[in-house]
């Protein structure tokens, strides 16, 4: 067989399926293009805002007022036990460790 005959069979063999696939591909492309054109966001940066420069200092009613410091009581209760204090009960005399605890 020569290449001309192979090309003819390539086009004419299953020609209905090929036309349907081309039509579907065009329709999908058209639908995607329509959706893309509808939702095109504008990516322009807004112009920078100009802040007015105050020519005079802030009015007295706007100056911050720092409240008086809070008075703490002279005697505070400790929240933690002092260093060296035992947190576990003492062992009973005459007992030995029989097994390891942990992992």
N, C-alpha and C. Protein backbone atom coordinates (compact mmCIF):
# COMPACT_ATOMS: atom_id res chain seq x y z
N UNK A 1 0.83 -1.18 0.00
CA UNK A 1 0.00 0.00 0.00
C UNK A 1 0.88 1.25 0.00
N UNK A 2 0.45 2.21 -0.72
CA UNK A 2 1.21 3.46 -0.74
C UNK A 2 0.64 4.43 0.31
N UNK A 3 1.32 5.51 0.53
CA UNK A 3 0.93 6.44 1.59
C UNK A 3 -0.35 7.18 1.26
N UNK A 4 -0.66 7.37 -0.05
CA UNK A 4 -1.90 8.04 -0.44
C UNK A 4 -3.13 7.23 -0.04
N UNK A 5 -3.04 5.92 -0.23
CA UNK A 5 -4.15 5.05 0.13
C UNK A 5 -4.32 5.01 1.66
N UNK A 6 -3.22 4.99 2.39
CA UNK A 6 -3.28 4.98 3.86
C UNK A 6 -3.89 6.29 4.38
N UNK A 7 -3.55 7.41 3.76
CA UNK A 7 -4.13 8.69 4.17
C UNK A 7 -5.63 8.73 3.90
N UNK A 8 -6.04 8.18 2.76
CA UNK A 8 -7.46 8.13 2.44
C UNK A 8 -8.22 7.28 3.44
N UNK A 9 -7.67 6.12 3.83
CA UNK A 9 -8.32 5.27 4.82
C UNK A 9 -8.34 5.93 6.20
N UNK A 10 -7.28 6.67 6.53
CA UNK A 10 -7.22 7.36 7.81
C UNK A 10 -8.35 8.38 7.93
N UNK A 11 -8.66 9.05 6.83
CA UNK A 11 -9.71 10.07 6.86
C UNK A 11 -11.09 9.43 6.76
N UNK A 12 -11.26 8.45 5.89
CA UNK A 12 -12.60 7.90 5.64
C UNK A 12 -13.01 6.83 6.65
N UNK A 13 -12.09 6.17 7.30
CA UNK A 13 -12.43 5.13 8.27
C UNK A 13 -12.94 5.79 9.55
N UNK A 14 -14.14 5.40 10.00
CA UNK A 14 -14.79 5.96 11.19
C UNK A 14 -14.96 7.47 11.07
N UNK A 15 -15.41 7.94 9.92
CA UNK A 15 -15.51 9.37 9.69
C UNK A 15 -16.60 10.03 10.54
N UNK A 16 -17.67 9.31 10.87
CA UNK A 16 -18.73 9.90 11.69
C UNK A 16 -18.21 10.22 13.11
N UNK A 17 -17.50 9.27 13.69
CA UNK A 17 -16.95 9.49 15.03
C UNK A 17 -15.97 10.66 15.04
N UNK A 18 -15.19 10.78 13.99
CA UNK A 18 -14.22 11.87 13.91
C UNK A 18 -14.92 13.22 13.81
N UNK A 19 -15.98 13.31 13.03
CA UNK A 19 -16.71 14.57 12.91
C UNK A 19 -17.39 14.92 14.23
N UNK A 20 -17.98 13.91 14.89
CA UNK A 20 -18.63 14.17 16.18
C UNK A 20 -17.62 14.65 17.21
N UNK A 21 -16.44 14.04 17.25
CA UNK A 21 -15.42 14.47 18.22
C UNK A 21 -14.94 15.89 17.91
N UNK A 22 -14.81 16.25 16.64
CA UNK A 22 -14.42 17.62 16.31
C UNK A 22 -15.49 18.62 16.71
N UNK A 23 -16.78 18.28 16.49
CA UNK A 23 -17.87 19.18 16.87
C UNK A 23 -17.90 19.35 18.39
N UNK A 24 -17.74 18.26 19.13
CA UNK A 24 -17.74 18.36 20.59
C UNK A 24 -16.55 19.17 21.10
N UNK A 25 -15.39 18.96 20.49
CA UNK A 25 -14.22 19.73 20.90
C UNK A 25 -14.44 21.22 20.65
N UNK A 26 -15.02 21.57 19.53
CA UNK A 26 -15.30 22.97 19.24
C UNK A 26 -16.31 23.55 20.24
N UNK A 27 -17.36 22.77 20.56
CA UNK A 27 -18.36 23.27 21.49
C UNK A 27 -17.77 23.49 22.89
N UNK A 28 -16.95 22.55 23.37
CA UNK A 28 -16.30 22.72 24.67
C UNK A 28 -15.38 23.94 24.67
N UNK A 29 -14.62 24.10 23.59
CA UNK A 29 -13.73 25.26 23.49
C UNK A 29 -14.54 26.56 23.51
N UNK A 30 -15.66 26.57 22.79
CA UNK A 30 -16.48 27.77 22.74
C UNK A 30 -17.09 28.08 24.11
N UNK A 31 -17.54 27.04 24.84
CA UNK A 31 -18.12 27.26 26.17
C UNK A 31 -17.08 27.80 27.15
N UNK A 32 -15.87 27.25 27.11
CA UNK A 32 -14.81 27.72 28.01
C UNK A 32 -14.42 29.15 27.67
N UNK A 33 -14.33 29.45 26.39
CA UNK A 33 -13.99 30.81 25.97
C UNK A 33 -15.06 31.81 26.40
N UNK A 34 -16.33 31.43 26.31
CA UNK A 34 -17.41 32.32 26.72
C UNK A 34 -17.37 32.57 28.22
N UNK A 35 -17.08 31.55 29.02
CA UNK A 35 -16.99 31.72 30.47
C UNK A 35 -15.79 32.59 30.83
N UNK A 36 -14.69 32.40 30.14
CA UNK A 36 -13.49 33.18 30.44
C UNK A 36 -13.69 34.65 30.09
N UNK A 37 -14.36 34.94 29.00
CA UNK A 37 -14.59 36.32 28.60
C UNK A 37 -15.58 37.01 29.52
N UNK A 38 -16.47 36.25 30.15
CA UNK A 38 -17.47 36.85 31.02
C UNK A 38 -16.89 37.27 32.36
N UNK A 39 -15.92 36.55 32.87
CA UNK A 39 -15.39 36.80 34.21
C UNK A 39 -13.95 37.30 34.18
N UNK A 40 -13.65 38.24 33.34
CA UNK A 40 -12.30 38.77 33.27
C UNK A 40 -12.15 39.82 34.36
N UNK A 41 -11.33 39.55 35.37
CA UNK A 41 -11.15 40.56 36.41
C UNK A 41 -10.18 41.64 35.93
N UNK A 42 -10.35 42.81 36.48
CA UNK A 42 -9.43 43.89 36.15
C UNK A 42 -8.36 43.92 37.22
N UNK A 43 -7.14 43.78 36.82
CA UNK A 43 -6.02 43.73 37.75
C UNK A 43 -5.26 45.05 37.78
N UNK A 44 -5.99 46.14 37.83
CA UNK A 44 -5.31 47.43 37.90
C UNK A 44 -5.17 47.84 39.35
N UNK A 45 -4.04 48.37 39.67
CA UNK A 45 -3.77 48.82 41.04
C UNK A 45 -4.48 50.15 41.27
N UNK A 46 -5.07 50.32 42.45
CA UNK A 46 -5.69 51.62 42.73
C UNK A 46 -4.62 52.68 42.91
N UNK A 47 -4.95 53.91 42.66
CA UNK A 47 -3.93 54.95 42.84
C UNK A 47 -3.59 55.08 44.32
N UNK A 48 -2.37 55.45 44.63
CA UNK A 48 -1.99 55.57 46.04
C UNK A 48 -2.78 56.69 46.71
N UNK A 49 -3.17 56.42 47.94
CA UNK A 49 -3.94 57.42 48.69
C UNK A 49 -2.99 58.48 49.22
N UNK A 50 -3.41 59.70 49.11
CA UNK A 50 -2.58 60.80 49.61
C UNK A 50 -3.06 61.16 51.01
N UNK A 51 -2.14 61.09 51.95
CA UNK A 51 -2.44 61.43 53.33
C UNK A 51 -2.15 62.91 53.54
N UNK A 52 -3.10 63.64 54.09
CA UNK A 52 -2.84 65.06 54.33
C UNK A 52 -1.82 65.22 55.46
N UNK A 53 -0.90 66.11 55.27
CA UNK A 53 0.13 66.38 56.26
C UNK A 53 -0.41 67.41 57.24
N UNK A 54 -0.46 67.07 58.54
CA UNK A 54 -0.99 68.07 59.48
C UNK A 54 -0.03 69.24 59.61
N UNK A 55 -0.60 70.42 59.58
CA UNK A 55 0.24 71.61 59.68
C UNK A 55 0.43 72.04 61.14
N UNK A 56 -0.44 71.59 62.02
CA UNK A 56 -0.32 71.94 63.44
C UNK A 56 -0.36 70.65 64.27
N UNK A 57 0.12 70.71 65.51
CA UNK A 57 0.06 69.51 66.34
C UNK A 57 -1.38 69.12 66.65
N UNK A 58 -1.55 67.92 67.16
CA UNK A 58 -2.88 67.42 67.46
C UNK A 58 -3.55 68.27 68.54
N UNK A 59 -4.85 68.44 68.45
CA UNK A 59 -5.55 69.20 69.50
C UNK A 59 -5.42 68.50 70.85
N UNK A 60 -5.62 69.26 71.92
CA UNK A 60 -5.41 68.72 73.26
C UNK A 60 -6.39 67.62 73.60
N UNK A 61 -7.59 67.63 73.03
CA UNK A 61 -8.55 66.58 73.36
C UNK A 61 -8.16 65.25 72.71
N UNK A 62 -7.23 65.24 71.81
CA UNK A 62 -6.82 64.01 71.17
C UNK A 62 -5.50 63.47 71.71
N UNK A 63 -4.86 64.17 72.60
CA UNK A 63 -3.60 63.68 73.14
C UNK A 63 -3.88 62.49 74.05
N UNK A 64 -3.05 61.46 73.99
CA UNK A 64 -3.31 60.27 74.81
C UNK A 64 -3.08 60.55 76.29
N UNK A 65 -3.91 59.96 77.09
CA UNK A 65 -3.80 60.11 78.53
C UNK A 65 -3.39 58.76 79.09
N UNK A 66 -2.28 58.72 79.80
CA UNK A 66 -1.79 57.48 80.38
C UNK A 66 -2.37 57.37 81.79
N UNK A 67 -3.09 56.26 82.09
CA UNK A 67 -3.68 56.14 83.42
C UNK A 67 -2.61 55.93 84.48
N UNK A 68 -2.98 56.17 85.72
CA UNK A 68 -2.05 55.98 86.84
C UNK A 68 -1.71 54.50 86.96
N UNK A 69 -0.49 54.18 87.41
CA UNK A 69 -0.13 52.77 87.51
C UNK A 69 -0.99 52.07 88.56
N UNK A 70 -1.21 50.80 88.36
CA UNK A 70 -2.04 50.00 89.25
C UNK A 70 -1.23 49.65 90.49
N UNK A 71 -1.83 49.85 91.65
CA UNK A 71 -1.15 49.53 92.90
C UNK A 71 -1.32 48.05 93.21
N UNK A 72 -0.22 47.35 93.39
CA UNK A 72 -0.25 45.93 93.72
C UNK A 72 -0.25 45.77 95.23
N UNK A 73 -0.91 44.73 95.75
CA UNK A 73 -0.86 44.51 97.19
C UNK A 73 0.56 44.17 97.62
N UNK A 74 0.86 44.52 98.87
CA UNK A 74 2.23 44.31 99.35
C UNK A 74 2.54 42.84 99.59
N UNK A 75 1.55 42.05 99.98
CA UNK A 75 1.78 40.63 100.22
C UNK A 75 1.08 39.83 99.12
N UNK A 76 1.85 39.11 98.32
CA UNK A 76 1.31 38.27 97.27
C UNK A 76 1.42 36.82 97.69
N UNK A 77 0.41 36.04 97.38
CA UNK A 77 0.46 34.61 97.68
C UNK A 77 1.27 33.91 96.60
N UNK A 78 2.19 32.99 96.98
CA UNK A 78 2.96 32.29 95.96
C UNK A 78 2.08 31.30 95.20
N UNK A 79 2.27 31.26 93.92
CA UNK A 79 1.50 30.33 93.08
C UNK A 79 2.22 29.00 92.94
N UNK A 80 3.52 28.98 93.04
CA UNK A 80 4.30 27.76 92.90
C UNK A 80 4.91 27.42 94.25
N UNK A 81 5.19 26.14 94.43
CA UNK A 81 5.83 25.74 95.68
C UNK A 81 7.29 26.18 95.66
N UNK A 82 7.87 26.44 96.80
CA UNK A 82 9.27 26.88 96.84
C UNK A 82 10.19 25.78 96.33
N UNK A 83 11.36 26.14 95.84
CA UNK A 83 12.28 25.13 95.33
C UNK A 83 12.70 24.17 96.44
N UNK A 84 12.83 22.91 96.10
CA UNK A 84 13.25 21.90 97.05
C UNK A 84 12.09 21.26 97.78
N UNK A 85 10.88 21.77 97.60
CA UNK A 85 9.73 21.17 98.28
C UNK A 85 9.35 19.89 97.56
N UNK A 86 9.06 18.86 98.31
CA UNK A 86 8.72 17.57 97.73
C UNK A 86 7.28 17.60 97.23
N UNK A 87 7.08 17.11 96.02
CA UNK A 87 5.73 17.06 95.48
C UNK A 87 5.18 15.65 95.54
N UNK A 88 6.02 14.66 95.82
CA UNK A 88 5.56 13.29 95.93
C UNK A 88 5.59 12.88 97.39
N UNK A 89 4.69 12.01 97.80
CA UNK A 89 4.70 11.59 99.21
C UNK A 89 5.95 10.77 99.51
N UNK A 90 6.44 10.83 100.72
CA UNK A 90 7.65 10.07 101.06
C UNK A 90 7.37 8.57 101.02
N UNK A 91 8.41 7.80 100.72
CA UNK A 91 8.28 6.35 100.65
C UNK A 91 8.16 5.76 102.04
N UNK A 92 7.43 4.64 102.14
CA UNK A 92 7.28 3.97 103.42
C UNK A 92 8.57 3.23 103.71
N UNK A 93 9.00 3.22 104.95
CA UNK A 93 10.24 2.52 105.26
C UNK A 93 10.05 1.00 105.10
N UNK A 94 11.06 0.34 104.60
CA UNK A 94 11.04 -1.10 104.43
C UNK A 94 10.48 -1.57 103.09
N UNK A 95 10.11 -0.67 102.19
CA UNK A 95 9.62 -1.10 100.87
C UNK A 95 10.70 -0.83 99.85
N UNK A 96 10.73 -1.69 98.88
CA UNK A 96 11.74 -1.56 97.81
C UNK A 96 11.02 -1.39 96.47
N UNK A 97 11.76 -0.93 95.51
CA UNK A 97 11.22 -0.79 94.16
C UNK A 97 11.22 -2.17 93.55
N UNK A 98 10.04 -2.63 93.12
CA UNK A 98 9.93 -3.98 92.58
C UNK A 98 9.95 -3.98 91.06
N UNK A 99 9.60 -2.95 90.42
CA UNK A 99 9.59 -2.94 88.96
C UNK A 99 9.83 -1.54 88.46
N UNK A 100 10.11 -1.45 87.19
CA UNK A 100 10.34 -0.15 86.58
C UNK A 100 9.02 0.40 86.06
N UNK A 101 8.85 1.67 86.21
CA UNK A 101 7.66 2.32 85.67
C UNK A 101 8.07 3.19 84.49
N UNK A 102 7.15 3.43 83.66
CA UNK A 102 7.44 4.27 82.50
C UNK A 102 7.10 3.57 81.22
N UNK A 103 8.00 3.65 80.27
CA UNK A 103 7.74 3.07 78.96
C UNK A 103 7.71 1.60 79.10
